[in-house]
Amino acid sequence: MAQLCYYNPAEREQEKERQRAFDAAQLREGEISQADLRARNGFFSSLQIVESSISCQEAFA
């Protein structure tokens, strides 16, 4: 029988908080560099959000 998995926002938030604390401890102890942490955490963490923009053009002018 297939097992169903449900997304629990509260559990996900706790998981993210634990990971942030772990990342902060590694940075503080010098176990990882800011660049290595950014690379490890994936694509979106390396984006320069402040310098980014989203544009939309009308499909039917």
C-alpha atoms as a PDB file:
ATOM      1  CA  MET A   1       0.000   0.000   0.000  1.00  0.00           C
ATOM      2  CA  ALA A   2       1.301   3.464  -0.888  1.00  0.00           C
ATOM      3  CA  GLN A   3       2.128   5.781   1.971  1.00  0.00           C
ATOM      4  CA  LEU A   4       0.733   9.305   1.756  1.00  0.00           C
ATOM      5  CA  CYS A   5       2.869  12.216   2.848  1.00  0.00           C
ATOM      6  CA  TYR A   6       1.394  15.515   3.887  1.00  0.00           C
ATOM      7  CA  TYR A   7       3.088  18.879   3.893  1.00  0.00           C
ATOM      8  CA  ASN A   8       3.125  20.377   7.372  1.00  0.00           C
ATOM      9  CA  PRO A   9       4.069  24.079   7.299  1.00  0.00           C
ATOM     10  CA  ALA A  10       4.938  24.146  11.010  1.00  0.00           C
ATOM     11  CA  GLU A  11       7.307  21.174  10.689  1.00  0.00           C
ATOM     12  CA  ARG A  12       8.902  22.695   7.592  1.00  0.00           C
ATOM     13  CA  GLU A  13       9.471  25.992   9.412  1.00  0.00           C
ATOM     14  CA  GLN A  14      11.128  24.146  12.311  1.00  0.00           C
ATOM     15  CA  GLU A  15      13.332  22.262   9.860  1.00  0.00           C
ATOM     16  CA  LYS A  16      14.370  25.522   8.198  1.00  0.00           C
ATOM     17  CA  GLU A  17      15.135  27.120  11.584  1.00  0.00           C
ATOM     18  CA  ARG A  18      17.329  24.152  12.568  1.00  0.00           C
ATOM     19  CA  GLN A  19      19.195  24.399   9.262  1.00  0.00           C
ATOM     20  CA  ARG A  20      19.712  28.167   9.674  1.00  0.00           C
ATOM     21  CA  ALA A  21      21.102  27.619  13.174  1.00  0.00           C
ATOM     22  CA  PHE A  22      23.429  24.908  11.863  1.00  0.00           C
ATOM     23  CA  ASP A  23      24.601  27.158   9.008  1.00  0.00           C
ATOM     24  CA  ALA A  24      25.197  30.066  11.398  1.00  0.00           C
ATOM     25  CA  ALA A  25      27.228  27.850  13.731  1.00  0.00           C
ATOM     26  CA  GLN A  26      29.381  26.607  10.857  1.00  0.00           C
ATOM     27  CA  LEU A  27      30.014  30.174   9.700  1.00  0.00           C
ATOM     28  CA  ARG A  28      30.808  31.348  13.227  1.00  0.00           C
ATOM     29  CA  GLU A  29      33.268  28.467  13.766  1.00  0.00           C
ATOM     30  CA  GLY A  30      34.894  29.026  10.370  1.00  0.00           C
ATOM     31  CA  GLU A  31      33.961  25.532   9.198  1.00  0.00           C
ATOM     32  CA  ILE A  32      32.453  26.899   5.982  1.00  0.00           C
ATOM     33  CA  SER A  33      32.849  30.087   3.976  1.00  0.00           C
ATOM     34  CA  GLN A  34      29.982  32.345   2.961  1.00  0.00           C
ATOM     35  CA  ALA A  35      30.565  31.372  -0.692  1.00  0.00           C
ATOM     36  CA  ASP A  36      30.567  27.644   0.087  1.00  0.00           C
ATOM     37  CA  LEU A  37      27.400  27.992   2.136  1.00  0.00           C
ATOM     38  CA  ARG A  38      25.711  29.892  -0.687  1.00  0.00           C
ATOM     39  CA  ALA A  39      26.700  27.173  -3.158  1.00  0.00           C
ATOM     40  CA  ARG A  40      25.538  24.403  -0.835  1.00  0.00           C
ATOM     41  CA  ASN A  41      22.145  25.982  -0.260  1.00  0.00           C
ATOM     42  CA  GLY A  42      21.341  26.039  -3.931  1.00  0.00           C
ATOM     43  CA  PHE A  43      20.400  28.181  -6.859  1.00  0.00           C
ATOM     44  CA  PHE A  44      18.040  30.668  -5.238  1.00  0.00           C
ATOM     45  CA  SER A  45      20.427  31.582  -2.442  1.00  0.00           C
ATOM     46  CA  SER A  46      22.950  32.865  -4.995  1.00  0.00           C
ATOM     47  CA  LEU A  47      20.536  35.266  -6.700  1.00  0.00           C
ATOM     48  CA  GLN A  48      20.999  38.978  -6.173  1.00  0.00           C
ATOM     49  CA  ILE A  49      17.362  39.662  -5.352  1.00  0.00           C
ATOM     50  CA  VAL A  50      17.919  43.397  -4.833  1.00  0.00           C
ATOM     51  CA  GLU A  51      19.280  43.732  -8.357  1.00  0.00           C
ATOM     52  CA  SER A  52      16.671  41.435  -9.931  1.00  0.00           C
ATOM     53  CA  SER A  53      13.415  42.284 -11.589  1.00  0.00           C
ATOM     54  CA  ILE A  54      10.502  40.549 -13.227  1.00  0.00           C
ATOM     55  CA  SER A  55       8.900  42.005 -16.299  1.00  0.00           C
ATOM     56  CA  CYS A  56       5.694  41.136 -18.039  1.00  0.00           C
ATOM     57  CA  GLN A  57       4.655  42.054 -21.563  1.00  0.00           C
ATOM     58  CA  GLU A  58       1.088  42.067 -22.753  1.00  0.00           C
ATOM     59  CA  ALA A  59       0.459  39.043 -24.966  1.00  0.00           C
ATOM     60  CA  PHE A  60      -2.485  40.742 -26.663  1.00  0.00           C
ATOM     61  CA  ALA A  61      -1.779  44.357 -27.488  1.00  0.00           C
END
